[in-house]
N, C-alpha and C. Protein backbone atom coordinates (compact mmCIF):
# COMPACT_ATOMS: atom_id res chain seq x y z
N MET A 1 0.84 -1.21 -0.01
CA MET A 1 0.03 0.00 0.02
C MET A 1 0.88 1.26 0.00
N ASP A 2 0.49 2.22 -0.75
CA ASP A 2 1.23 3.46 -0.81
C ASP A 2 1.22 4.19 0.56
N GLN A 3 2.43 4.38 1.13
CA GLN A 3 2.54 4.97 2.45
C GLN A 3 2.04 6.42 2.48
N THR A 4 2.02 7.07 1.34
CA THR A 4 1.62 8.49 1.33
C THR A 4 0.14 8.69 1.11
N SER A 5 -0.59 7.63 0.81
CA SER A 5 -2.03 7.75 0.59
C SER A 5 -2.68 8.03 1.93
N GLY A 6 -3.81 8.74 1.87
CA GLY A 6 -4.52 9.10 3.10
C GLY A 6 -5.14 7.91 3.79
N VAL A 7 -5.12 7.98 5.12
CA VAL A 7 -5.74 6.92 5.93
C VAL A 7 -7.23 7.23 6.03
N ARG A 8 -8.05 6.27 5.63
CA ARG A 8 -9.50 6.46 5.63
C ARG A 8 -10.07 6.10 7.01
N PHE A 9 -10.90 6.98 7.55
CA PHE A 9 -11.39 6.86 8.91
C PHE A 9 -12.92 7.03 8.87
N LEU A 10 -13.64 6.00 9.35
CA LEU A 10 -15.10 6.02 9.42
C LEU A 10 -15.51 6.06 10.92
N ALA A 11 -16.33 7.04 11.26
CA ALA A 11 -16.77 7.17 12.64
C ALA A 11 -18.28 6.96 12.72
N LEU A 12 -18.74 5.98 13.46
CA LEU A 12 -20.17 5.65 13.55
C LEU A 12 -20.69 5.94 14.96
N GLY A 13 -21.88 6.53 15.05
CA GLY A 13 -22.39 6.83 16.34
C GLY A 13 -23.64 7.61 16.42
N ASP A 14 -23.73 8.44 17.47
CA ASP A 14 -24.90 9.28 17.77
C ASP A 14 -24.47 10.69 18.08
N SER A 15 -25.12 11.32 19.03
CA SER A 15 -24.78 12.71 19.37
C SER A 15 -23.33 12.86 19.85
N TYR A 16 -22.82 11.85 20.48
CA TYR A 16 -21.43 11.94 20.99
C TYR A 16 -20.40 11.94 19.86
N THR A 17 -20.78 11.38 18.74
CA THR A 17 -19.84 11.35 17.62
C THR A 17 -20.00 12.51 16.70
N ILE A 18 -21.22 12.99 16.52
CA ILE A 18 -21.47 14.18 15.69
C ILE A 18 -21.12 15.46 16.41
N GLY A 19 -21.02 15.33 17.76
CA GLY A 19 -20.62 16.53 18.53
C GLY A 19 -21.71 17.55 18.73
N GLU A 20 -22.87 17.09 19.25
CA GLU A 20 -23.99 17.99 19.55
C GLU A 20 -23.53 19.12 20.43
N SER A 21 -23.94 20.36 20.06
CA SER A 21 -23.67 21.55 20.84
C SER A 21 -22.27 22.09 20.84
N ILE A 22 -21.38 21.51 20.03
CA ILE A 22 -20.04 22.06 19.91
C ILE A 22 -19.69 22.28 18.43
N THR A 23 -18.57 22.94 18.19
CA THR A 23 -18.13 23.19 16.81
C THR A 23 -17.58 21.89 16.22
N PRO A 24 -17.60 21.74 14.87
CA PRO A 24 -17.11 20.50 14.26
C PRO A 24 -15.68 20.14 14.63
N THR A 25 -14.82 21.15 14.83
CA THR A 25 -13.41 20.85 15.16
C THR A 25 -13.30 20.23 16.55
N GLY A 26 -14.28 20.37 17.39
CA GLY A 26 -14.23 19.79 18.73
C GLY A 26 -14.71 18.36 18.81
N ARG A 27 -15.28 17.85 17.75
CA ARG A 27 -15.76 16.47 17.77
C ARG A 27 -14.62 15.51 18.09
N TRP A 28 -14.87 14.49 18.85
CA TRP A 28 -13.78 13.63 19.24
C TRP A 28 -13.13 12.88 18.06
N PRO A 29 -13.86 12.42 17.06
CA PRO A 29 -13.16 11.77 15.94
C PRO A 29 -12.25 12.75 15.19
N VAL A 30 -12.68 14.03 15.08
CA VAL A 30 -11.82 15.05 14.43
C VAL A 30 -10.57 15.28 15.26
N GLN A 31 -10.76 15.34 16.58
CA GLN A 31 -9.61 15.55 17.45
C GLN A 31 -8.69 14.30 17.44
N LEU A 32 -9.24 13.13 17.32
CA LEU A 32 -8.44 11.90 17.19
C LEU A 32 -7.61 11.91 15.92
N ALA A 33 -8.26 12.30 14.82
CA ALA A 33 -7.55 12.38 13.56
C ALA A 33 -6.37 13.37 13.68
N ALA A 34 -6.55 14.47 14.33
CA ALA A 34 -5.48 15.45 14.52
C ALA A 34 -4.34 14.86 15.33
N LEU A 35 -4.66 14.12 16.41
CA LEU A 35 -3.65 13.49 17.21
C LEU A 35 -2.84 12.46 16.41
N LEU A 36 -3.51 11.74 15.56
CA LEU A 36 -2.80 10.73 14.74
C LEU A 36 -1.91 11.43 13.71
N ARG A 37 -2.39 12.56 13.15
CA ARG A 37 -1.53 13.32 12.22
C ARG A 37 -0.29 13.83 12.92
N ASP A 38 -0.45 14.18 14.19
CA ASP A 38 0.71 14.63 14.97
C ASP A 38 1.77 13.55 15.10
N GLN A 39 1.32 12.29 14.97
CA GLN A 39 2.22 11.12 15.05
C GLN A 39 2.76 10.75 13.65
N GLY A 40 2.47 11.57 12.67
CA GLY A 40 2.93 11.34 11.34
C GLY A 40 2.04 10.41 10.49
N ILE A 41 0.85 10.14 10.94
CA ILE A 41 -0.05 9.28 10.20
C ILE A 41 -1.01 10.16 9.39
N PRO A 42 -0.98 10.02 8.06
CA PRO A 42 -1.76 10.93 7.18
C PRO A 42 -3.27 10.62 7.17
N VAL A 43 -3.95 10.92 8.25
CA VAL A 43 -5.37 10.59 8.36
C VAL A 43 -6.22 11.65 7.65
N GLU A 44 -7.12 11.20 6.84
CA GLU A 44 -8.08 12.07 6.18
C GLU A 44 -9.13 12.53 7.19
N GLU A 45 -9.89 13.54 6.86
CA GLU A 45 -10.99 13.94 7.75
C GLU A 45 -11.96 12.75 7.90
N PRO A 46 -12.40 12.48 9.07
CA PRO A 46 -13.29 11.31 9.28
C PRO A 46 -14.62 11.45 8.52
N GLN A 47 -15.03 10.34 7.95
CA GLN A 47 -16.39 10.25 7.40
C GLN A 47 -17.25 9.88 8.56
N ILE A 48 -18.17 10.75 8.94
CA ILE A 48 -19.02 10.55 10.11
C ILE A 48 -20.46 10.21 9.75
N ILE A 49 -20.93 9.08 10.29
CA ILE A 49 -22.31 8.72 10.17
C ILE A 49 -22.87 8.68 11.57
N ALA A 50 -23.52 9.76 11.97
CA ALA A 50 -23.99 9.89 13.36
C ALA A 50 -25.04 10.98 13.43
N LYS A 51 -25.93 10.85 14.34
CA LYS A 51 -26.99 11.88 14.56
C LYS A 51 -27.51 11.81 15.99
N THR A 52 -27.78 12.91 16.55
CA THR A 52 -28.32 12.99 17.90
C THR A 52 -29.61 12.15 18.02
N GLY A 53 -29.67 11.29 19.05
CA GLY A 53 -30.83 10.53 19.33
C GLY A 53 -30.85 9.12 18.76
N TRP A 54 -29.87 8.80 17.92
CA TRP A 54 -29.89 7.48 17.29
C TRP A 54 -29.67 6.34 18.27
N THR A 55 -30.42 5.30 18.10
CA THR A 55 -30.24 4.02 18.80
C THR A 55 -29.46 3.07 17.85
N THR A 56 -29.17 1.86 18.34
CA THR A 56 -28.44 0.93 17.49
C THR A 56 -29.13 0.62 16.15
N ASP A 57 -30.44 0.39 16.17
CA ASP A 57 -31.15 0.07 15.01
C ASP A 57 -31.23 1.27 14.04
N GLU A 58 -31.34 2.46 14.62
CA GLU A 58 -31.41 3.69 13.76
C GLU A 58 -30.07 3.95 13.10
N LEU A 59 -28.96 3.68 13.80
CA LEU A 59 -27.64 3.84 13.18
C LEU A 59 -27.47 2.82 12.05
N SER A 60 -27.95 1.60 12.24
CA SER A 60 -27.84 0.58 11.23
C SER A 60 -28.60 1.00 9.98
N ALA A 61 -29.82 1.55 10.18
CA ALA A 61 -30.59 1.99 9.02
C ALA A 61 -29.90 3.17 8.32
N ALA A 62 -29.24 4.02 9.07
CA ALA A 62 -28.53 5.16 8.50
C ALA A 62 -27.31 4.73 7.69
N ILE A 63 -26.69 3.63 8.15
CA ILE A 63 -25.53 3.08 7.40
C ILE A 63 -26.07 2.55 6.07
N ASP A 64 -27.19 1.90 6.11
CA ASP A 64 -27.81 1.37 4.87
C ASP A 64 -28.03 2.53 3.87
N ALA A 65 -28.48 3.62 4.39
CA ALA A 65 -28.81 4.80 3.54
C ALA A 65 -27.57 5.48 3.03
N ALA A 66 -26.54 5.58 3.89
CA ALA A 66 -25.30 6.27 3.50
C ALA A 66 -24.43 5.44 2.56
N ARG A 67 -24.49 4.13 2.76
CA ARG A 67 -23.72 3.17 1.92
C ARG A 67 -22.27 3.58 1.80
N PRO A 68 -21.53 3.65 2.87
CA PRO A 68 -20.09 4.00 2.77
C PRO A 68 -19.39 2.97 1.93
N SER A 69 -18.52 3.42 1.02
CA SER A 69 -17.93 2.52 0.06
C SER A 69 -16.42 2.34 0.33
N GLY A 70 -15.92 1.22 -0.14
CA GLY A 70 -14.51 0.93 0.02
C GLY A 70 -14.14 0.46 1.38
N THR A 71 -12.84 0.26 1.56
CA THR A 71 -12.30 -0.24 2.82
C THR A 71 -11.74 0.94 3.64
N PHE A 72 -12.01 0.94 4.93
CA PHE A 72 -11.49 2.00 5.82
C PHE A 72 -10.35 1.42 6.64
N ASP A 73 -9.36 2.26 6.89
CA ASP A 73 -8.20 1.86 7.67
C ASP A 73 -8.51 1.87 9.16
N LEU A 74 -9.47 2.69 9.55
CA LEU A 74 -9.88 2.82 10.96
C LEU A 74 -11.34 3.05 11.00
N VAL A 75 -12.03 2.30 11.89
CA VAL A 75 -13.48 2.41 12.08
C VAL A 75 -13.72 2.58 13.60
N THR A 76 -14.45 3.62 14.00
CA THR A 76 -14.82 3.73 15.40
C THR A 76 -16.31 3.63 15.56
N LEU A 77 -16.73 3.10 16.71
CA LEU A 77 -18.15 2.89 16.99
C LEU A 77 -18.47 3.27 18.41
N LEU A 78 -19.38 4.22 18.56
CA LEU A 78 -19.87 4.67 19.88
C LEU A 78 -21.35 4.82 19.81
N ILE A 79 -22.05 3.88 20.41
CA ILE A 79 -23.50 3.83 20.34
C ILE A 79 -24.11 3.16 21.55
N GLY A 80 -25.35 3.47 21.90
CA GLY A 80 -25.99 2.75 22.94
C GLY A 80 -26.65 3.61 24.02
N VAL A 81 -26.24 4.87 24.12
CA VAL A 81 -26.80 5.69 25.17
C VAL A 81 -28.31 5.89 25.01
N ASN A 82 -28.75 5.98 23.76
CA ASN A 82 -30.18 6.22 23.54
C ASN A 82 -31.02 4.93 23.73
N ASN A 83 -30.38 3.81 23.57
CA ASN A 83 -31.04 2.55 23.93
C ASN A 83 -31.31 2.56 25.41
N GLN A 84 -30.31 2.93 26.20
CA GLN A 84 -30.45 2.97 27.65
C GLN A 84 -31.47 4.07 28.06
N TYR A 85 -31.36 5.24 27.45
CA TYR A 85 -32.23 6.36 27.78
C TYR A 85 -33.70 6.02 27.53
N ARG A 86 -33.95 5.33 26.47
CA ARG A 86 -35.35 4.98 26.13
C ARG A 86 -35.87 3.75 26.87
N GLY A 87 -35.01 3.18 27.70
CA GLY A 87 -35.47 2.01 28.46
C GLY A 87 -35.54 0.71 27.69
N ARG A 88 -34.84 0.66 26.61
CA ARG A 88 -34.83 -0.59 25.82
C ARG A 88 -33.94 -1.64 26.47
N SER A 89 -34.17 -2.90 26.15
CA SER A 89 -33.54 -3.98 26.85
C SER A 89 -32.07 -4.17 26.46
N ILE A 90 -31.32 -4.67 27.40
CA ILE A 90 -29.89 -4.97 27.16
C ILE A 90 -29.77 -6.11 26.12
N ASP A 91 -30.69 -7.09 26.22
CA ASP A 91 -30.64 -8.21 25.26
C ASP A 91 -30.78 -7.70 23.84
N GLU A 92 -31.74 -6.80 23.63
CA GLU A 92 -31.93 -6.23 22.29
C GLU A 92 -30.69 -5.44 21.87
N PHE A 93 -30.17 -4.66 22.82
CA PHE A 93 -28.98 -3.88 22.51
C PHE A 93 -27.81 -4.79 22.14
N ARG A 94 -27.60 -5.85 22.88
CA ARG A 94 -26.49 -6.77 22.62
C ARG A 94 -26.58 -7.29 21.21
N GLU A 95 -27.76 -7.75 20.82
CA GLU A 95 -27.92 -8.36 19.49
C GLU A 95 -27.69 -7.30 18.39
N GLN A 96 -28.25 -6.09 18.57
CA GLN A 96 -28.10 -5.08 17.54
C GLN A 96 -26.67 -4.55 17.52
N PHE A 97 -26.04 -4.40 18.69
CA PHE A 97 -24.64 -3.97 18.75
C PHE A 97 -23.74 -4.96 18.06
N ARG A 98 -24.01 -6.25 18.29
CA ARG A 98 -23.19 -7.31 17.66
C ARG A 98 -23.22 -7.19 16.17
N GLU A 99 -24.40 -6.88 15.62
CA GLU A 99 -24.55 -6.70 14.18
C GLU A 99 -23.79 -5.50 13.70
N LEU A 100 -23.92 -4.39 14.46
CA LEU A 100 -23.18 -3.18 14.07
C LEU A 100 -21.64 -3.40 14.12
N LEU A 101 -21.21 -4.14 15.12
CA LEU A 101 -19.78 -4.45 15.25
C LEU A 101 -19.31 -5.25 14.07
N ALA A 102 -20.13 -6.23 13.66
CA ALA A 102 -19.76 -7.05 12.49
C ALA A 102 -19.67 -6.20 11.22
N ARG A 103 -20.58 -5.25 11.10
CA ARG A 103 -20.56 -4.35 9.94
C ARG A 103 -19.30 -3.48 9.97
N SER A 104 -18.99 -3.02 11.18
CA SER A 104 -17.80 -2.16 11.34
C SER A 104 -16.54 -2.91 10.95
N ILE A 105 -16.44 -4.15 11.33
CA ILE A 105 -15.29 -4.98 10.98
C ILE A 105 -15.26 -5.18 9.45
N GLY A 106 -16.42 -5.34 8.87
CA GLY A 106 -16.52 -5.44 7.41
C GLY A 106 -15.99 -4.17 6.75
N PHE A 107 -16.35 -3.05 7.26
CA PHE A 107 -15.83 -1.78 6.66
C PHE A 107 -14.32 -1.68 6.81
N ALA A 108 -13.78 -2.33 7.82
CA ALA A 108 -12.35 -2.33 8.07
C ALA A 108 -11.65 -3.49 7.32
N GLY A 109 -12.28 -3.97 6.27
CA GLY A 109 -11.68 -5.02 5.46
C GLY A 109 -11.58 -6.40 6.17
N GLY A 110 -12.44 -6.55 7.20
CA GLY A 110 -12.45 -7.83 7.94
C GLY A 110 -11.41 -7.88 9.08
N ASN A 111 -10.71 -6.75 9.28
CA ASN A 111 -9.66 -6.70 10.29
C ASN A 111 -10.21 -6.07 11.59
N ALA A 112 -10.56 -6.89 12.56
CA ALA A 112 -11.16 -6.39 13.80
C ALA A 112 -10.26 -5.50 14.54
N GLN A 113 -8.97 -5.64 14.40
CA GLN A 113 -8.02 -4.79 15.13
C GLN A 113 -8.06 -3.35 14.67
N ARG A 114 -8.70 -3.12 13.50
CA ARG A 114 -8.79 -1.73 13.04
C ARG A 114 -10.13 -1.08 13.48
N VAL A 115 -10.85 -1.73 14.34
CA VAL A 115 -12.10 -1.24 14.88
C VAL A 115 -11.91 -0.86 16.34
N VAL A 116 -12.28 0.37 16.67
CA VAL A 116 -12.16 0.90 18.04
C VAL A 116 -13.56 1.22 18.54
N VAL A 117 -13.97 0.54 19.60
CA VAL A 117 -15.26 0.72 20.22
C VAL A 117 -15.10 1.54 21.52
N LEU A 118 -15.90 2.59 21.68
CA LEU A 118 -15.87 3.36 22.90
C LEU A 118 -17.06 3.01 23.77
N SER A 119 -16.84 2.99 25.07
CA SER A 119 -17.97 2.71 26.01
C SER A 119 -18.93 3.86 26.03
N ILE A 120 -20.10 3.59 26.61
CA ILE A 120 -21.14 4.67 26.72
C ILE A 120 -20.79 5.54 27.90
N PRO A 121 -20.72 6.86 27.70
CA PRO A 121 -20.46 7.78 28.81
C PRO A 121 -21.71 7.89 29.70
N ASP A 122 -21.45 8.40 30.94
CA ASP A 122 -22.53 8.52 31.90
C ASP A 122 -23.17 9.91 31.90
N TRP A 123 -24.32 10.00 31.22
CA TRP A 123 -25.00 11.28 31.18
C TRP A 123 -25.67 11.64 32.51
N GLY A 124 -25.70 10.67 33.45
CA GLY A 124 -26.34 10.91 34.73
C GLY A 124 -25.59 11.91 35.60
N VAL A 125 -24.36 12.24 35.27
CA VAL A 125 -23.59 13.25 36.03
C VAL A 125 -23.83 14.65 35.57
N THR A 126 -24.56 14.81 34.51
CA THR A 126 -24.73 16.12 33.90
C THR A 126 -25.90 16.91 34.53
N PRO A 127 -25.93 18.23 34.38
CA PRO A 127 -27.06 19.03 34.90
C PRO A 127 -28.40 18.54 34.38
N PHE A 128 -28.44 18.00 33.12
CA PHE A 128 -29.66 17.49 32.54
C PHE A 128 -30.34 16.48 33.41
N ALA A 129 -29.50 15.70 34.15
CA ALA A 129 -30.03 14.57 34.93
C ALA A 129 -30.51 15.01 36.31
N GLN A 130 -30.46 16.26 36.62
CA GLN A 130 -30.88 16.75 37.89
C GLN A 130 -32.32 16.31 38.21
N GLY A 131 -32.53 15.73 39.39
CA GLY A 131 -33.88 15.25 39.77
C GLY A 131 -34.13 13.81 39.33
N ARG A 132 -33.23 13.22 38.57
CA ARG A 132 -33.37 11.82 38.17
C ARG A 132 -32.54 10.94 39.13
N ASP A 133 -32.75 9.65 39.07
CA ASP A 133 -31.99 8.73 39.90
C ASP A 133 -30.64 8.47 39.25
N ARG A 134 -29.64 9.26 39.66
CA ARG A 134 -28.34 9.21 39.03
C ARG A 134 -27.66 7.82 39.26
N GLU A 135 -27.89 7.21 40.42
CA GLU A 135 -27.29 5.94 40.71
C GLU A 135 -27.89 4.84 39.78
N ALA A 136 -29.19 4.94 39.54
CA ALA A 136 -29.80 3.94 38.62
C ALA A 136 -29.30 4.12 37.23
N ILE A 137 -29.12 5.35 36.80
CA ILE A 137 -28.57 5.63 35.44
C ILE A 137 -27.20 4.99 35.37
N ALA A 138 -26.37 5.19 36.40
CA ALA A 138 -25.01 4.66 36.33
C ALA A 138 -25.02 3.12 36.31
N ARG A 139 -25.90 2.53 37.08
CA ARG A 139 -26.01 1.05 37.01
C ARG A 139 -26.41 0.56 35.64
N ASP A 140 -27.38 1.23 35.03
CA ASP A 140 -27.84 0.84 33.71
C ASP A 140 -26.69 0.94 32.69
N ILE A 141 -26.01 2.08 32.72
CA ILE A 141 -24.89 2.29 31.78
C ILE A 141 -23.80 1.27 32.00
N ASN A 142 -23.49 0.95 33.22
CA ASN A 142 -22.51 -0.10 33.53
C ASN A 142 -22.90 -1.42 32.88
N ALA A 143 -24.19 -1.75 33.01
CA ALA A 143 -24.67 -3.01 32.48
C ALA A 143 -24.61 -3.05 30.96
N PHE A 144 -25.03 -1.97 30.34
CA PHE A 144 -24.92 -1.88 28.85
C PHE A 144 -23.45 -1.97 28.45
N ASN A 145 -22.59 -1.30 29.17
CA ASN A 145 -21.17 -1.34 28.80
C ASN A 145 -20.55 -2.71 28.99
N GLU A 146 -21.01 -3.46 29.99
CA GLU A 146 -20.49 -4.82 30.15
C GLU A 146 -20.86 -5.68 28.94
N ALA A 147 -22.09 -5.57 28.45
CA ALA A 147 -22.46 -6.30 27.25
C ALA A 147 -21.63 -5.85 26.04
N LYS A 148 -21.42 -4.56 25.98
CA LYS A 148 -20.64 -3.98 24.88
C LYS A 148 -19.19 -4.49 24.93
N ARG A 149 -18.62 -4.51 26.11
CA ARG A 149 -17.23 -5.02 26.26
C ARG A 149 -17.13 -6.46 25.85
N GLU A 150 -18.07 -7.26 26.32
CA GLU A 150 -18.03 -8.69 26.04
C GLU A 150 -18.08 -8.95 24.56
N GLU A 151 -19.00 -8.31 23.86
CA GLU A 151 -19.16 -8.53 22.42
C GLU A 151 -17.92 -8.03 21.65
N THR A 152 -17.36 -6.90 22.11
CA THR A 152 -16.19 -6.32 21.41
C THR A 152 -14.99 -7.24 21.58
N GLU A 153 -14.76 -7.71 22.78
CA GLU A 153 -13.59 -8.56 23.03
C GLU A 153 -13.77 -9.88 22.34
N LYS A 154 -15.02 -10.39 22.29
CA LYS A 154 -15.28 -11.67 21.57
C LYS A 154 -14.96 -11.55 20.10
N ALA A 155 -15.21 -10.37 19.54
CA ALA A 155 -14.96 -10.14 18.12
C ALA A 155 -13.54 -9.84 17.79
N GLY A 156 -12.72 -9.56 18.84
CA GLY A 156 -11.33 -9.22 18.64
C GLY A 156 -11.04 -7.76 18.33
N ALA A 157 -12.04 -6.89 18.54
CA ALA A 157 -11.84 -5.44 18.35
C ALA A 157 -11.34 -4.78 19.64
N ASN A 158 -11.09 -3.50 19.54
CA ASN A 158 -10.57 -2.74 20.67
C ASN A 158 -11.69 -2.06 21.43
N PHE A 159 -11.65 -2.23 22.79
CA PHE A 159 -12.68 -1.57 23.63
C PHE A 159 -11.97 -0.52 24.50
N ILE A 160 -12.46 0.71 24.43
CA ILE A 160 -11.92 1.81 25.19
C ILE A 160 -12.93 2.31 26.21
N ASP A 161 -12.52 2.34 27.44
CA ASP A 161 -13.44 2.80 28.53
C ASP A 161 -13.30 4.33 28.68
N ILE A 162 -14.36 5.04 28.24
CA ILE A 162 -14.40 6.49 28.45
C ILE A 162 -15.42 6.87 29.53
N THR A 163 -16.07 5.84 30.10
CA THR A 163 -17.13 6.13 31.08
C THR A 163 -16.52 6.72 32.31
N LYS A 164 -15.40 6.19 32.76
CA LYS A 164 -14.75 6.70 33.98
C LYS A 164 -14.43 8.18 33.85
N VAL A 165 -13.85 8.59 32.74
CA VAL A 165 -13.46 9.99 32.58
C VAL A 165 -14.74 10.81 32.37
N SER A 166 -15.79 10.28 31.81
CA SER A 166 -17.03 11.03 31.60
C SER A 166 -17.60 11.43 32.94
N ARG A 167 -17.40 10.62 33.96
CA ARG A 167 -17.96 10.89 35.28
C ARG A 167 -17.24 12.03 36.00
N THR A 168 -16.08 12.44 35.55
CA THR A 168 -15.39 13.58 36.17
C THR A 168 -16.11 14.88 35.86
N ALA A 169 -17.05 14.88 34.92
CA ALA A 169 -17.83 16.09 34.62
C ALA A 169 -18.70 16.48 35.82
N ALA A 170 -18.90 15.59 36.77
CA ALA A 170 -19.65 15.92 37.94
C ALA A 170 -19.00 16.97 38.79
N GLU A 171 -17.67 16.99 38.71
CA GLU A 171 -16.92 17.97 39.51
C GLU A 171 -16.36 19.15 38.68
N ASP A 172 -16.42 19.02 37.34
CA ASP A 172 -15.88 20.07 36.48
C ASP A 172 -16.90 20.47 35.43
N PRO A 173 -17.60 21.56 35.66
CA PRO A 173 -18.67 22.03 34.72
C PRO A 173 -18.14 22.30 33.33
N GLY A 174 -16.84 22.58 33.21
CA GLY A 174 -16.25 22.90 31.90
C GLY A 174 -16.16 21.66 31.00
N LEU A 175 -16.49 20.49 31.50
CA LEU A 175 -16.42 19.27 30.69
C LEU A 175 -17.76 18.98 30.07
N THR A 176 -18.78 19.83 30.30
CA THR A 176 -20.10 19.66 29.75
C THR A 176 -20.40 20.90 28.85
N ALA A 177 -21.02 20.61 27.71
CA ALA A 177 -21.40 21.70 26.78
C ALA A 177 -22.48 22.60 27.37
N LEU A 178 -22.74 23.73 26.75
CA LEU A 178 -23.67 24.68 27.26
C LEU A 178 -25.10 24.15 27.35
N ASP A 179 -25.41 23.06 26.64
CA ASP A 179 -26.77 22.52 26.69
C ASP A 179 -27.00 21.73 27.99
N GLY A 180 -25.95 21.54 28.81
CA GLY A 180 -26.14 20.87 30.09
C GLY A 180 -26.21 19.36 29.99
N LEU A 181 -25.98 18.81 28.82
CA LEU A 181 -26.08 17.39 28.64
C LEU A 181 -24.89 16.77 27.93
N HIS A 182 -24.55 17.31 26.79
CA HIS A 182 -23.51 16.76 25.97
C HIS A 182 -22.08 17.23 26.42
N PRO A 183 -21.05 16.47 26.04
CA PRO A 183 -19.70 16.86 26.46
C PRO A 183 -19.22 18.10 25.75
N SER A 184 -18.28 18.78 26.40
CA SER A 184 -17.60 19.92 25.78
C SER A 184 -16.42 19.42 24.94
N GLY A 185 -15.83 20.31 24.19
CA GLY A 185 -14.62 19.96 23.42
C GLY A 185 -13.52 19.43 24.30
N ARG A 186 -13.42 19.96 25.51
CA ARG A 186 -12.39 19.50 26.46
C ARG A 186 -12.60 18.02 26.82
N MET A 187 -13.83 17.64 27.06
CA MET A 187 -14.12 16.24 27.37
C MET A 187 -13.82 15.36 26.16
N TYR A 188 -14.22 15.82 24.95
CA TYR A 188 -13.95 15.06 23.77
C TYR A 188 -12.42 14.88 23.55
N ALA A 189 -11.65 15.89 23.95
CA ALA A 189 -10.20 15.78 23.83
C ALA A 189 -9.68 14.61 24.71
N GLU A 190 -10.32 14.40 25.85
CA GLU A 190 -9.93 13.30 26.71
C GLU A 190 -10.27 11.95 26.08
N TRP A 191 -11.43 11.90 25.41
CA TRP A 191 -11.81 10.64 24.72
C TRP A 191 -10.84 10.35 23.60
N ALA A 192 -10.48 11.38 22.82
CA ALA A 192 -9.51 11.21 21.72
C ALA A 192 -8.19 10.71 22.25
N ARG A 193 -7.75 11.30 23.37
CA ARG A 193 -6.49 10.89 23.98
C ARG A 193 -6.53 9.42 24.41
N LEU A 194 -7.64 9.00 24.96
CA LEU A 194 -7.78 7.60 25.38
C LEU A 194 -7.83 6.64 24.21
N ALA A 195 -8.44 7.09 23.11
CA ALA A 195 -8.58 6.23 21.93
C ALA A 195 -7.29 6.18 21.07
N ARG A 196 -6.46 7.18 21.19
CA ARG A 196 -5.28 7.28 20.32
C ARG A 196 -4.37 6.07 20.33
N PRO A 197 -3.97 5.52 21.46
CA PRO A 197 -3.08 4.39 21.44
C PRO A 197 -3.60 3.18 20.65
N ALA A 198 -4.87 2.84 20.85
CA ALA A 198 -5.48 1.75 20.07
C ALA A 198 -5.55 2.05 18.61
N ALA A 199 -5.94 3.30 18.30
CA ALA A 199 -6.03 3.70 16.86
C ALA A 199 -4.66 3.66 16.23
N GLN A 200 -3.67 4.16 16.93
CA GLN A 200 -2.30 4.17 16.37
C GLN A 200 -1.77 2.76 16.18
N ALA A 201 -2.05 1.88 17.14
CA ALA A 201 -1.64 0.48 17.04
C ALA A 201 -2.36 -0.16 15.83
N ALA A 202 -3.63 0.16 15.65
CA ALA A 202 -4.42 -0.43 14.58
C ALA A 202 -3.84 -0.05 13.23
N LEU A 203 -3.27 1.14 13.12
CA LEU A 203 -2.73 1.61 11.86
C LEU A 203 -1.25 1.28 11.70
N ALA A 204 -0.63 0.69 12.68
CA ALA A 204 0.81 0.49 12.64
C ALA A 204 1.25 -0.41 11.46
N GLY A 205 0.42 -1.42 11.16
CA GLY A 205 0.78 -2.32 10.06
C GLY A 205 0.37 -1.84 8.72
N ARG A 206 -0.32 -0.72 8.67
CA ARG A 206 -0.88 -0.27 7.35
C ARG A 206 0.21 0.00 6.36
N THR A 207 1.31 0.61 6.75
CA THR A 207 2.36 0.97 5.79
C THR A 207 3.20 -0.22 5.37
N GLN A 208 2.94 -1.39 6.01
CA GLN A 208 3.68 -2.61 5.64
C GLN A 208 2.92 -3.41 4.64
N GLU A 209 1.73 -3.00 4.27
CA GLU A 209 0.91 -3.79 3.35
C GLU A 209 1.32 -3.52 1.89
């Protein structure tokens, strides 16, 4: 493979991937691409398929509509918060997430190591959740993430825990966007930093092909 050709990056998700309430440059996939470029990896601007409010099945339908073509060198997947928020079952989530993960691996040319899955952040620590049962939200998200981790590891893809750092927003208001719910660019920078090692490792063999 030509070492100078651009690295293709597909980012799949929901509001957390499209960057609701922040500027496009603050989106975590965009920040991740910038970090990889700093390491000398010629990453193209990410192709993002994501929209606020999407559940697993809605993301799958959107992928059908977008029909991303060709093979991607890096694929990221961050989905599930809206399944939890709407009270949908973990069993349904597991099945639909497994299908999305398989599709993601397909977009990566069948190489699961080029797929990076991020855990669901905890929206229960945000001002939006005031008056709700924050402990119950945390328990739900932990349960969804356990299913997500199991399926990711079973498939041989990379699982990145961003839930822990998402919970630091409880003490630092600057980590939440002005809408009181979604992360700020600073929080997304933390997610990009956590995802970078796996993404960089996933791309390490690319120039040897």
